[in-house]
Amino acid sequence: MSDRAASEDIASIDLAIGSAVRDLRENRGLTARQLAAESGVSAAMISRIENGQASPSISTLNALSRTLDVPLVSFFRETSSNHVDFTHVRYGEGLYSTRMVDNHSHEFINLAFHTRRDIQFEARRVTLVRQTARPPVYVGHGVVFVYALEGEAVYGYGEHAFTLKAGDSLSLDAELRHGFKRVITETFSFLTVQVARR
C-alpha cells in the first residue's frame, strides 16, 4: 500500500470515528462542552475528533466510552469491515420449535438470531393456545418488543397487566418479571423481538 493510500485510509477511519462520537453524544442529549466536562477530554479535542481532524488515542476513546456508557467498539462501527452477517427468511420459513415449561407448551418460529460483539438480536413468531397451564414468566436483559398479530391475551409486566389485541404493541426492559398471564381467545399469535447487550 502506498503512503498516499495509507494516509487516505487513516483519514477515512478518523471521519468514521468522529461521526460515531457525534451520533452517540447527540443520542445522549449532550453538548460537546458537557461531554468534555464529564469525560475530561477538552472541548477542542472533541470538536477535532467529531470533524475527523484528529486521530484519538485509545485512552481518549476509553474516557469517551465510559462517559457515553457504550463499548469502545461502538466508535468503530462505521469503519470498513471485511465481513458482515445477514439473515433472510422467506414467508412461511424459519426454524419451527416448541417450548415446554412445566405443563405449558407453545409453538414458535425463530425468524432471526443475530450476534455481534456488542449486541444480540432475536425475533420470533409465537402462537399460544389457551390452556390451564400458565405461560412462562421471564427475567432477562435488554429490551423486549411484543407486537400482537391475532387474538387477545393479557401480558404481565411487574405489577402491571396489559390486554393485547391484534395491532397492539408493547416494549419493555427485560430486567423486570414479564410474560403472558392469560390467553383470552382460543389462540393468540404475536411477534417478539429482543435485543440485549452482550
N, C-alpha and C. Protein backbone atom coordinates (compact mmCIF):
# COMPACT_ATOMS: atom_id res chain seq x y z
N MET A 1 0.84 -1.19 0.00
CA MET A 1 0.00 0.00 0.00
C MET A 1 0.88 1.25 0.00
N SER A 2 0.56 2.21 -0.85
CA SER A 2 1.36 3.42 -0.94
C SER A 2 1.11 4.30 0.28
N ASP A 3 2.04 5.26 0.51
CA ASP A 3 1.87 6.20 1.63
C ASP A 3 0.59 7.01 1.47
N ARG A 4 0.27 7.36 0.23
CA ARG A 4 -0.94 8.15 -0.01
C ARG A 4 -2.20 7.34 0.32
N ALA A 5 -2.22 6.07 -0.10
CA ALA A 5 -3.38 5.21 0.19
C ALA A 5 -3.52 4.99 1.69
N ALA A 6 -2.39 4.78 2.39
CA ALA A 6 -2.43 4.59 3.83
C ALA A 6 -2.95 5.83 4.53
N SER A 7 -2.52 6.99 4.05
CA SER A 7 -2.97 8.26 4.62
C SER A 7 -4.47 8.46 4.42
N GLU A 8 -4.96 8.07 3.22
CA GLU A 8 -6.39 8.19 2.94
C GLU A 8 -7.21 7.24 3.81
N ASP A 9 -6.67 6.04 4.06
CA ASP A 9 -7.35 5.07 4.94
C ASP A 9 -7.48 5.63 6.35
N ILE A 10 -6.40 6.21 6.86
CA ILE A 10 -6.40 6.78 8.21
C ILE A 10 -7.42 7.92 8.29
N ALA A 11 -7.44 8.78 7.26
CA ALA A 11 -8.38 9.91 7.25
C ALA A 11 -9.82 9.40 7.23
N SER A 12 -10.07 8.32 6.48
CA SER A 12 -11.41 7.74 6.41
C SER A 12 -11.83 7.18 7.77
N ILE A 13 -10.90 6.52 8.45
CA ILE A 13 -11.18 5.97 9.78
C ILE A 13 -11.45 7.10 10.78
N ASP A 14 -10.66 8.17 10.71
CA ASP A 14 -10.87 9.31 11.61
C ASP A 14 -12.25 9.92 11.41
N LEU A 15 -12.69 10.03 10.15
CA LEU A 15 -14.03 10.58 9.87
C LEU A 15 -15.12 9.66 10.42
N ALA A 16 -14.93 8.34 10.26
CA ALA A 16 -15.92 7.38 10.75
C ALA A 16 -16.02 7.42 12.27
N ILE A 17 -14.87 7.49 12.95
CA ILE A 17 -14.87 7.58 14.41
C ILE A 17 -15.53 8.88 14.85
N GLY A 18 -15.20 9.97 14.19
CA GLY A 18 -15.79 11.28 14.53
C GLY A 18 -17.30 11.28 14.39
N SER A 19 -17.77 10.67 13.31
CA SER A 19 -19.22 10.58 13.07
C SER A 19 -19.90 9.77 14.17
N ALA A 20 -19.26 8.67 14.58
CA ALA A 20 -19.82 7.83 15.64
C ALA A 20 -19.86 8.58 16.97
N VAL A 21 -18.78 9.29 17.30
CA VAL A 21 -18.74 10.07 18.55
C VAL A 21 -19.86 11.10 18.57
N ARG A 22 -20.03 11.83 17.46
CA ARG A 22 -21.08 12.85 17.39
C ARG A 22 -22.47 12.23 17.56
N ASP A 23 -22.73 11.13 16.84
CA ASP A 23 -24.04 10.47 16.93
C ASP A 23 -24.32 10.01 18.35
N LEU A 24 -23.35 9.36 18.98
CA LEU A 24 -23.54 8.85 20.34
C LEU A 24 -23.72 9.99 21.34
N ARG A 25 -22.98 11.07 21.15
CA ARG A 25 -23.13 12.24 22.03
C ARG A 25 -24.52 12.84 21.90
N GLU A 26 -24.97 13.03 20.65
CA GLU A 26 -26.28 13.63 20.42
C GLU A 26 -27.40 12.72 20.90
N ASN A 27 -27.21 11.40 20.77
CA ASN A 27 -28.22 10.46 21.26
C ASN A 27 -28.37 10.54 22.77
N ARG A 28 -27.30 10.93 23.47
CA ARG A 28 -27.36 11.10 24.93
C ARG A 28 -27.85 12.49 25.32
N GLY A 29 -28.08 13.34 24.31
CA GLY A 29 -28.56 14.69 24.59
C GLY A 29 -27.50 15.59 25.20
N LEU A 30 -26.23 15.33 24.90
CA LEU A 30 -25.13 16.12 25.46
C LEU A 30 -24.57 17.08 24.43
N THR A 31 -24.17 18.25 24.89
CA THR A 31 -23.41 19.16 24.03
C THR A 31 -21.94 18.72 24.09
N ALA A 32 -21.15 19.25 23.18
CA ALA A 32 -19.72 18.91 23.19
C ALA A 32 -19.07 19.38 24.49
N ARG A 33 -19.51 20.54 25.00
CA ARG A 33 -18.95 21.07 26.25
C ARG A 33 -19.32 20.18 27.44
N GLN A 34 -20.57 19.67 27.45
CA GLN A 34 -20.98 18.77 28.53
C GLN A 34 -20.18 17.47 28.49
N LEU A 35 -19.99 16.94 27.28
CA LEU A 35 -19.20 15.72 27.14
C LEU A 35 -17.77 15.96 27.61
N ALA A 36 -17.23 17.12 27.27
CA ALA A 36 -15.87 17.46 27.69
C ALA A 36 -15.77 17.51 29.21
N ALA A 37 -16.73 18.18 29.84
CA ALA A 37 -16.70 18.32 31.30
C ALA A 37 -16.81 16.97 32.00
N GLU A 38 -17.64 16.08 31.47
CA GLU A 38 -17.87 14.79 32.13
C GLU A 38 -16.77 13.76 31.83
N SER A 39 -16.12 13.90 30.67
CA SER A 39 -15.11 12.90 30.27
C SER A 39 -13.69 13.30 30.60
N GLY A 40 -13.45 14.60 30.78
CA GLY A 40 -12.09 15.07 31.00
C GLY A 40 -11.32 15.29 29.71
N VAL A 41 -11.99 15.11 28.56
CA VAL A 41 -11.38 15.38 27.25
C VAL A 41 -11.77 16.80 26.87
N SER A 42 -10.82 17.59 26.42
CA SER A 42 -11.11 19.00 26.15
C SER A 42 -12.16 19.16 25.05
N ALA A 43 -12.93 20.25 25.13
CA ALA A 43 -13.96 20.53 24.13
C ALA A 43 -13.33 20.70 22.75
N ALA A 44 -12.13 21.29 22.71
CA ALA A 44 -11.43 21.49 21.44
C ALA A 44 -11.08 20.14 20.81
N MET A 45 -10.62 19.19 21.64
CA MET A 45 -10.27 17.86 21.12
C MET A 45 -11.52 17.13 20.63
N ILE A 46 -12.61 17.24 21.38
CA ILE A 46 -13.86 16.59 20.95
C ILE A 46 -14.31 17.15 19.61
N SER A 47 -14.20 18.46 19.43
CA SER A 47 -14.57 19.09 18.16
C SER A 47 -13.68 18.57 17.02
N ARG A 48 -12.39 18.47 17.28
CA ARG A 48 -11.47 17.96 16.24
C ARG A 48 -11.77 16.50 15.91
N ILE A 49 -12.08 15.69 16.93
CA ILE A 49 -12.41 14.28 16.70
C ILE A 49 -13.67 14.17 15.86
N GLU A 50 -14.72 14.90 16.25
CA GLU A 50 -16.01 14.81 15.56
C GLU A 50 -15.92 15.28 14.11
N ASN A 51 -14.98 16.16 13.82
CA ASN A 51 -14.81 16.65 12.45
C ASN A 51 -13.76 15.87 11.67
N GLY A 52 -13.27 14.77 12.25
CA GLY A 52 -12.29 13.94 11.55
C GLY A 52 -10.94 14.57 11.40
N GLN A 53 -10.62 15.54 12.27
CA GLN A 53 -9.35 16.26 12.17
C GLN A 53 -8.28 15.75 13.13
N ALA A 54 -8.65 14.70 13.92
CA ALA A 54 -7.68 14.15 14.87
C ALA A 54 -7.86 12.64 14.96
N SER A 55 -6.75 11.95 15.21
CA SER A 55 -6.78 10.51 15.46
C SER A 55 -6.72 10.31 16.97
N PRO A 56 -7.87 10.05 17.60
CA PRO A 56 -7.88 9.97 19.06
C PRO A 56 -7.13 8.75 19.58
N SER A 57 -6.49 8.92 20.73
CA SER A 57 -5.78 7.80 21.36
C SER A 57 -6.81 6.85 21.99
N ILE A 58 -6.37 5.66 22.31
CA ILE A 58 -7.23 4.68 22.96
C ILE A 58 -7.69 5.21 24.32
N SER A 59 -6.80 5.89 25.05
CA SER A 59 -7.19 6.43 26.37
C SER A 59 -8.27 7.50 26.22
N THR A 60 -8.20 8.31 25.16
CA THR A 60 -9.23 9.33 24.91
C THR A 60 -10.56 8.66 24.57
N LEU A 61 -10.52 7.66 23.69
CA LEU A 61 -11.75 6.95 23.34
C LEU A 61 -12.31 6.20 24.54
N ASN A 62 -11.44 5.67 25.39
CA ASN A 62 -11.90 4.98 26.59
C ASN A 62 -12.63 5.93 27.53
N ALA A 63 -12.11 7.15 27.68
CA ALA A 63 -12.77 8.16 28.53
C ALA A 63 -14.14 8.52 27.95
N LEU A 64 -14.21 8.66 26.63
CA LEU A 64 -15.49 8.98 25.98
C LEU A 64 -16.48 7.82 26.10
N SER A 65 -15.98 6.59 25.96
CA SER A 65 -16.87 5.43 26.03
C SER A 65 -17.46 5.28 27.43
N ARG A 66 -16.66 5.56 28.47
CA ARG A 66 -17.18 5.48 29.84
C ARG A 66 -18.24 6.54 30.07
N THR A 67 -18.01 7.74 29.59
CA THR A 67 -18.97 8.83 29.78
C THR A 67 -20.25 8.59 29.00
N LEU A 68 -20.13 8.08 27.78
CA LEU A 68 -21.31 7.83 26.95
C LEU A 68 -21.96 6.48 27.25
N ASP A 69 -21.31 5.67 28.11
CA ASP A 69 -21.82 4.36 28.51
C ASP A 69 -22.05 3.46 27.30
N VAL A 70 -21.02 3.36 26.45
CA VAL A 70 -21.07 2.48 25.29
C VAL A 70 -19.75 1.70 25.23
N PRO A 71 -19.76 0.52 24.60
CA PRO A 71 -18.50 -0.22 24.43
C PRO A 71 -17.54 0.56 23.52
N LEU A 72 -16.27 0.38 23.76
CA LEU A 72 -15.25 1.06 22.96
C LEU A 72 -15.44 0.79 21.46
N VAL A 73 -15.86 -0.44 21.13
CA VAL A 73 -16.02 -0.83 19.73
C VAL A 73 -17.10 0.01 19.02
N SER A 74 -18.00 0.65 19.77
CA SER A 74 -19.05 1.47 19.16
C SER A 74 -18.49 2.60 18.30
N PHE A 75 -17.30 3.07 18.63
CA PHE A 75 -16.70 4.16 17.87
C PHE A 75 -16.18 3.70 16.50
N PHE A 76 -16.07 2.39 16.32
CA PHE A 76 -15.52 1.85 15.08
C PHE A 76 -16.61 1.23 14.19
N ARG A 77 -17.89 1.49 14.53
CA ARG A 77 -18.99 0.83 13.83
C ARG A 77 -19.08 1.21 12.36
N GLU A 78 -18.58 2.38 11.99
CA GLU A 78 -18.68 2.81 10.59
C GLU A 78 -17.38 2.65 9.83
N THR A 79 -16.37 2.06 10.48
CA THR A 79 -15.13 1.79 9.76
C THR A 79 -15.32 0.55 8.91
N SER A 80 -14.48 0.38 7.93
CA SER A 80 -14.67 -0.72 6.99
C SER A 80 -14.47 -2.07 7.67
N SER A 81 -15.18 -3.07 7.18
CA SER A 81 -15.07 -4.42 7.69
C SER A 81 -15.05 -5.37 6.51
N ASN A 82 -14.32 -6.49 6.65
CA ASN A 82 -14.26 -7.42 5.54
C ASN A 82 -15.36 -8.48 5.62
N HIS A 83 -16.24 -8.39 6.65
CA HIS A 83 -17.36 -9.32 6.70
C HIS A 83 -18.54 -8.71 7.45
N VAL A 84 -19.72 -9.09 7.06
CA VAL A 84 -20.97 -8.76 7.76
C VAL A 84 -21.88 -9.97 7.63
N ASP A 85 -22.80 -10.13 8.59
CA ASP A 85 -23.74 -11.24 8.55
C ASP A 85 -25.14 -10.70 8.31
N PHE A 86 -25.95 -11.47 7.61
CA PHE A 86 -27.37 -11.14 7.49
C PHE A 86 -28.16 -12.43 7.34
N THR A 87 -29.45 -12.34 7.69
CA THR A 87 -30.35 -13.48 7.59
C THR A 87 -31.58 -13.05 6.81
N HIS A 88 -31.95 -13.81 5.80
CA HIS A 88 -33.15 -13.52 5.01
C HIS A 88 -34.07 -14.72 5.13
N VAL A 89 -35.22 -14.55 5.78
CA VAL A 89 -36.18 -15.63 5.96
C VAL A 89 -37.40 -15.33 5.10
N ARG A 90 -37.72 -16.22 4.20
CA ARG A 90 -38.86 -16.02 3.32
C ARG A 90 -40.16 -16.39 4.02
N TYR A 91 -41.26 -15.88 3.47
CA TYR A 91 -42.59 -16.13 4.04
C TYR A 91 -42.81 -17.63 4.23
N GLY A 92 -43.25 -17.99 5.43
CA GLY A 92 -43.53 -19.39 5.73
C GLY A 92 -42.32 -20.20 6.16
N GLU A 93 -41.15 -19.58 6.15
CA GLU A 93 -39.95 -20.28 6.56
C GLU A 93 -39.55 -19.87 7.97
N GLY A 94 -38.46 -20.41 8.45
CA GLY A 94 -38.00 -20.16 9.81
C GLY A 94 -37.79 -21.49 10.50
N LEU A 95 -37.21 -21.44 11.69
CA LEU A 95 -36.97 -22.65 12.46
C LEU A 95 -38.14 -22.87 13.42
N TYR A 96 -38.93 -23.91 13.18
CA TYR A 96 -40.10 -24.20 13.99
C TYR A 96 -39.67 -24.93 15.26
N SER A 97 -40.16 -24.45 16.41
CA SER A 97 -39.77 -25.01 17.69
C SER A 97 -40.96 -25.07 18.65
N THR A 98 -40.80 -25.86 19.69
CA THR A 98 -41.80 -25.96 20.76
C THR A 98 -41.11 -25.70 22.08
N ARG A 99 -41.72 -24.85 22.92
CA ARG A 99 -41.19 -24.62 24.26
C ARG A 99 -42.12 -25.27 25.27
N MET A 100 -41.55 -26.06 26.19
CA MET A 100 -42.33 -26.70 27.25
C MET A 100 -41.80 -26.24 28.60
N VAL A 101 -42.68 -25.69 29.43
CA VAL A 101 -42.34 -25.25 30.77
C VAL A 101 -43.39 -25.82 31.71
N ASP A 102 -42.99 -26.72 32.59
CA ASP A 102 -43.93 -27.44 33.46
C ASP A 102 -44.99 -28.10 32.58
N ASN A 103 -46.27 -27.75 32.78
CA ASN A 103 -47.35 -28.34 32.00
C ASN A 103 -47.74 -27.50 30.79
N HIS A 104 -47.08 -26.35 30.61
CA HIS A 104 -47.40 -25.46 29.49
C HIS A 104 -46.50 -25.75 28.30
N SER A 105 -47.06 -25.64 27.10
CA SER A 105 -46.25 -25.72 25.89
C SER A 105 -46.80 -24.75 24.86
N HIS A 106 -45.93 -24.21 24.04
CA HIS A 106 -46.38 -23.36 22.93
C HIS A 106 -45.39 -23.46 21.77
N GLU A 107 -45.91 -23.14 20.58
CA GLU A 107 -45.13 -23.22 19.35
C GLU A 107 -44.55 -21.84 19.02
N PHE A 108 -43.36 -21.83 18.43
CA PHE A 108 -42.81 -20.57 17.95
C PHE A 108 -41.90 -20.83 16.75
N ILE A 109 -41.71 -19.77 15.97
CA ILE A 109 -40.85 -19.84 14.79
C ILE A 109 -39.72 -18.84 14.98
N ASN A 110 -38.49 -19.32 14.97
CA ASN A 110 -37.33 -18.42 15.03
C ASN A 110 -37.16 -17.76 13.67
N LEU A 111 -37.30 -16.45 13.64
CA LEU A 111 -37.18 -15.70 12.39
C LEU A 111 -35.79 -15.08 12.23
N ALA A 112 -35.15 -14.77 13.35
CA ALA A 112 -33.82 -14.14 13.27
C ALA A 112 -33.08 -14.36 14.56
N PHE A 113 -31.79 -14.62 14.43
CA PHE A 113 -30.88 -14.67 15.58
C PHE A 113 -29.58 -14.08 15.09
N HIS A 114 -29.23 -12.91 15.61
CA HIS A 114 -28.06 -12.20 15.10
C HIS A 114 -27.18 -11.81 16.29
N THR A 115 -25.92 -12.20 16.23
CA THR A 115 -24.99 -11.89 17.30
C THR A 115 -23.82 -11.10 16.76
N ARG A 116 -23.56 -9.96 17.43
CA ARG A 116 -22.36 -9.18 17.14
C ARG A 116 -21.54 -9.11 18.42
N ARG A 117 -20.41 -8.45 18.35
CA ARG A 117 -19.59 -8.33 19.56
C ARG A 117 -20.28 -7.51 20.63
N ASP A 118 -21.18 -6.58 20.23
CA ASP A 118 -21.79 -5.68 21.21
C ASP A 118 -23.23 -6.03 21.56
N ILE A 119 -24.00 -6.65 20.65
CA ILE A 119 -25.41 -6.93 20.93
C ILE A 119 -25.81 -8.31 20.43
N GLN A 120 -26.94 -8.77 20.96
CA GLN A 120 -27.58 -9.99 20.47
C GLN A 120 -29.03 -9.64 20.16
N PHE A 121 -29.51 -10.09 19.00
CA PHE A 121 -30.85 -9.75 18.50
C PHE A 121 -31.58 -11.05 18.18
N GLU A 122 -32.83 -11.19 18.67
CA GLU A 122 -33.64 -12.36 18.38
C GLU A 122 -35.04 -11.93 17.99
N ALA A 123 -35.64 -12.61 17.02
CA ALA A 123 -37.02 -12.34 16.61
C ALA A 123 -37.74 -13.67 16.44
N ARG A 124 -38.96 -13.74 17.00
CA ARG A 124 -39.75 -14.97 16.91
C ARG A 124 -41.21 -14.64 16.66
N ARG A 125 -41.89 -15.55 15.95
CA ARG A 125 -43.34 -15.51 15.86
C ARG A 125 -43.84 -16.63 16.77
N VAL A 126 -44.71 -16.28 17.73
CA VAL A 126 -45.15 -17.22 18.75
C VAL A 126 -46.66 -17.39 18.67
N THR A 127 -47.13 -18.62 18.86
CA THR A 127 -48.56 -18.89 18.94
C THR A 127 -48.86 -19.57 20.27
N LEU A 128 -49.72 -18.94 21.07
CA LEU A 128 -50.15 -19.51 22.34
C LEU A 128 -51.56 -20.08 22.15
N VAL A 129 -51.79 -21.25 22.69
CA VAL A 129 -53.12 -21.86 22.69
C VAL A 129 -53.65 -21.78 24.11
N ARG A 130 -54.91 -21.37 24.27
CA ARG A 130 -55.49 -21.28 25.60
C ARG A 130 -55.45 -22.64 26.29
N GLN A 131 -54.90 -22.69 27.50
CA GLN A 131 -54.78 -23.95 28.25
C GLN A 131 -54.76 -23.63 29.73
N THR A 132 -54.92 -24.62 30.56
CA THR A 132 -54.98 -24.38 32.00
C THR A 132 -53.62 -23.99 32.56
N ALA A 133 -52.53 -24.54 32.00
CA ALA A 133 -51.19 -24.20 32.48
C ALA A 133 -50.83 -22.79 32.03
N ARG A 134 -50.22 -22.03 32.94
CA ARG A 134 -49.87 -20.65 32.66
C ARG A 134 -48.59 -20.56 31.82
N PRO A 135 -48.54 -19.65 30.85
CA PRO A 135 -47.31 -19.46 30.07
C PRO A 135 -46.15 -19.05 30.97
N PRO A 136 -44.91 -19.25 30.53
CA PRO A 136 -43.75 -18.94 31.38
C PRO A 136 -43.58 -17.45 31.64
N VAL A 137 -42.90 -17.15 32.74
CA VAL A 137 -42.54 -15.78 33.11
C VAL A 137 -41.03 -15.66 32.94
N TYR A 138 -40.58 -14.51 32.44
CA TYR A 138 -39.16 -14.33 32.13
C TYR A 138 -38.57 -13.15 32.91
N VAL A 139 -37.29 -13.24 33.17
CA VAL A 139 -36.48 -12.13 33.66
C VAL A 139 -35.18 -12.22 32.88
N GLY A 140 -34.78 -11.14 32.23
CA GLY A 140 -33.58 -11.21 31.40
C GLY A 140 -32.84 -9.89 31.35
N HIS A 141 -32.27 -9.61 30.18
CA HIS A 141 -31.51 -8.38 29.96
C HIS A 141 -31.97 -7.74 28.67
N GLY A 142 -31.70 -6.46 28.52
CA GLY A 142 -32.01 -5.78 27.27
C GLY A 142 -33.44 -5.31 27.19
N VAL A 143 -33.94 -5.24 25.96
CA VAL A 143 -35.27 -4.71 25.67
C VAL A 143 -36.07 -5.75 24.91
N VAL A 144 -37.35 -5.86 25.25
CA VAL A 144 -38.26 -6.78 24.57
C VAL A 144 -39.37 -5.98 23.90
N PHE A 145 -39.70 -6.35 22.66
CA PHE A 145 -40.81 -5.74 21.92
C PHE A 145 -41.79 -6.84 21.57
N VAL A 146 -43.08 -6.60 21.83
CA VAL A 146 -44.13 -7.57 21.52
C VAL A 146 -45.15 -6.88 20.62
N TYR A 147 -45.49 -7.53 19.49
CA TYR A 147 -46.49 -7.00 18.57
C TYR A 147 -47.55 -8.07 18.36
N ALA A 148 -48.79 -7.78 18.76
CA ALA A 148 -49.88 -8.75 18.66
C ALA A 148 -50.34 -8.88 17.21
N LEU A 149 -50.43 -10.13 16.73
CA LEU A 149 -50.85 -10.40 15.35
C LEU A 149 -52.30 -10.86 15.26
N GLU A 150 -52.69 -11.82 16.10
CA GLU A 150 -54.05 -12.37 16.07
C GLU A 150 -54.47 -12.76 17.47
N GLY A 151 -55.75 -12.54 17.79
CA GLY A 151 -56.30 -12.98 19.07
C GLY A 151 -56.16 -11.92 20.15
N GLU A 152 -56.33 -12.37 21.41
CA GLU A 152 -56.32 -11.47 22.56
C GLU A 152 -55.73 -12.20 23.75
N ALA A 153 -54.88 -11.51 24.51
CA ALA A 153 -54.24 -12.11 25.68
C ALA A 153 -53.84 -11.01 26.66
N VAL A 154 -53.55 -11.42 27.88
CA VAL A 154 -53.14 -10.49 28.93
C VAL A 154 -51.66 -10.69 29.21
N TYR A 155 -50.90 -9.60 29.15
CA TYR A 155 -49.45 -9.64 29.36
C TYR A 155 -49.13 -8.97 30.69
N GLY A 156 -48.33 -9.63 31.50
CA GLY A 156 -47.93 -9.07 32.78
C GLY A 156 -46.53 -8.50 32.73
N TYR A 157 -46.36 -7.35 33.37
CA TYR A 157 -45.04 -6.72 33.48
C TYR A 157 -44.92 -6.16 34.89
N GLY A 158 -44.16 -6.85 35.74
CA GLY A 158 -44.11 -6.45 37.14
C GLY A 158 -45.50 -6.54 37.74
N GLU A 159 -45.98 -5.43 38.30
CA GLU A 159 -47.32 -5.39 38.89
C GLU A 159 -48.38 -4.96 37.88
N HIS A 160 -47.98 -4.67 36.64
CA HIS A 160 -48.91 -4.18 35.62
C HIS A 160 -49.42 -5.33 34.76
N ALA A 161 -50.61 -5.14 34.20
CA ALA A 161 -51.18 -6.12 33.27
C ALA A 161 -51.75 -5.36 32.08
N PHE A 162 -51.47 -5.83 30.87
CA PHE A 162 -51.92 -5.18 29.63
C PHE A 162 -52.68 -6.19 28.78
N THR A 163 -53.88 -5.82 28.34
CA THR A 163 -54.63 -6.66 27.42
C THR A 163 -54.19 -6.29 26.01
N LEU A 164 -53.67 -7.27 25.27
CA LEU A 164 -53.18 -7.04 23.92
C LEU A 164 -54.11 -7.67 22.90
N LYS A 165 -54.47 -6.88 21.89
CA LYS A 165 -55.26 -7.36 20.76
C LYS A 165 -54.47 -7.13 19.48
N ALA A 166 -54.92 -7.72 18.38
CA ALA A 166 -54.21 -7.58 17.10
C ALA A 166 -53.91 -6.12 16.80
N GLY A 167 -52.65 -5.84 16.50
CA GLY A 167 -52.22 -4.48 16.19
C GLY A 167 -51.62 -3.74 17.37
N ASP A 168 -51.84 -4.24 18.60
CA ASP A 168 -51.25 -3.61 19.78
C ASP A 168 -49.78 -3.99 19.90
N SER A 169 -49.01 -3.15 20.56
CA SER A 169 -47.60 -3.47 20.79
C SER A 169 -47.20 -3.05 22.20
N LEU A 170 -46.11 -3.60 22.65
CA LEU A 170 -45.60 -3.32 23.98
C LEU A 170 -44.09 -3.44 23.93
N SER A 171 -43.38 -2.48 24.51
CA SER A 171 -41.92 -2.60 24.63
C SER A 171 -41.55 -2.39 26.08
N LEU A 172 -40.53 -3.11 26.55
CA LEU A 172 -40.23 -3.09 27.98
C LEU A 172 -38.78 -3.49 28.24
N ASP A 173 -38.29 -3.07 29.40
CA ASP A 173 -36.99 -3.52 29.87
C ASP A 173 -37.14 -4.93 30.41
N ALA A 174 -36.26 -5.83 29.99
CA ALA A 174 -36.42 -7.25 30.32
C ALA A 174 -36.01 -7.59 31.74
N GLU A 175 -35.44 -6.64 32.49
CA GLU A 175 -34.94 -6.93 33.83
C GLU A 175 -36.07 -7.18 34.84
N LEU A 176 -37.29 -6.69 34.54
CA LEU A 176 -38.44 -6.90 35.43
C LEU A 176 -39.22 -8.12 34.94
N ARG A 177 -39.84 -8.88 35.87
CA ARG A 177 -40.60 -10.07 35.50
C ARG A 177 -41.65 -9.73 34.45
N HIS A 178 -41.71 -10.53 33.39
CA HIS A 178 -42.67 -10.27 32.32
C HIS A 178 -43.08 -11.57 31.64
N GLY A 179 -44.25 -11.55 31.04
CA GLY A 179 -44.74 -12.72 30.32
C GLY A 179 -46.26 -12.71 30.26
N PHE A 180 -46.81 -13.56 29.43
CA PHE A 180 -48.27 -13.62 29.30
C PHE A 180 -48.88 -14.29 30.53
N LYS A 181 -49.97 -13.68 31.02
CA LYS A 181 -50.68 -14.21 32.19
C LYS A 181 -51.85 -15.10 31.77
N ARG A 182 -52.49 -14.73 30.64
CA ARG A 182 -53.71 -15.46 30.25
C ARG A 182 -53.99 -15.25 28.78
N VAL A 183 -54.39 -16.31 28.09
CA VAL A 183 -54.83 -16.22 26.70
C VAL A 183 -56.35 -16.17 26.72
N ILE A 184 -56.93 -15.10 26.17
CA ILE A 184 -58.39 -14.90 26.23
C ILE A 184 -59.09 -15.64 25.09
N THR A 185 -58.59 -15.48 23.88
CA THR A 185 -59.17 -16.17 22.73
C THR A 185 -58.60 -17.59 22.64
N GLU A 186 -59.13 -18.38 21.72
CA GLU A 186 -58.67 -19.77 21.59
C GLU A 186 -57.17 -19.84 21.33
N THR A 187 -56.66 -18.95 20.45
CA THR A 187 -55.22 -18.85 20.19
C THR A 187 -54.82 -17.38 20.17
N PHE A 188 -53.55 -17.14 20.38
CA PHE A 188 -53.01 -15.79 20.34
C PHE A 188 -51.64 -15.86 19.69
N SER A 189 -51.44 -15.09 18.61
CA SER A 189 -50.16 -15.06 17.90
C SER A 189 -49.54 -13.68 18.02
N PHE A 190 -48.22 -13.67 18.18
CA PHE A 190 -47.54 -12.38 18.30
C PHE A 190 -46.11 -12.50 17.79
N LEU A 191 -45.53 -11.35 17.47
CA LEU A 191 -44.13 -11.24 17.10
C LEU A 191 -43.40 -10.68 18.30
N THR A 192 -42.29 -11.30 18.67
CA THR A 192 -41.48 -10.77 19.76
C THR A 192 -40.04 -10.57 19.29
N VAL A 193 -39.48 -9.45 19.69
CA VAL A 193 -38.11 -9.11 19.33
C VAL A 193 -37.38 -8.77 20.61
N GLN A 194 -36.20 -9.31 20.80
CA GLN A 194 -35.41 -8.99 21.98
C GLN A 194 -34.00 -8.59 21.56
N VAL A 195 -33.52 -7.49 22.15
CA VAL A 195 -32.17 -7.02 21.88
C VAL A 195 -31.48 -6.83 23.23
N ALA A 196 -30.29 -7.38 23.37
CA ALA A 196 -29.54 -7.24 24.63
C ALA A 196 -28.07 -7.00 24.33
N ARG A 197 -27.44 -6.24 25.20
CA ARG A 197 -26.00 -6.02 25.08
C ARG A 197 -25.29 -7.29 25.50
N ARG A 198 -24.27 -7.68 24.76
CA ARG A 198 -23.53 -8.90 25.11
C ARG A 198 -22.49 -8.60 26.19
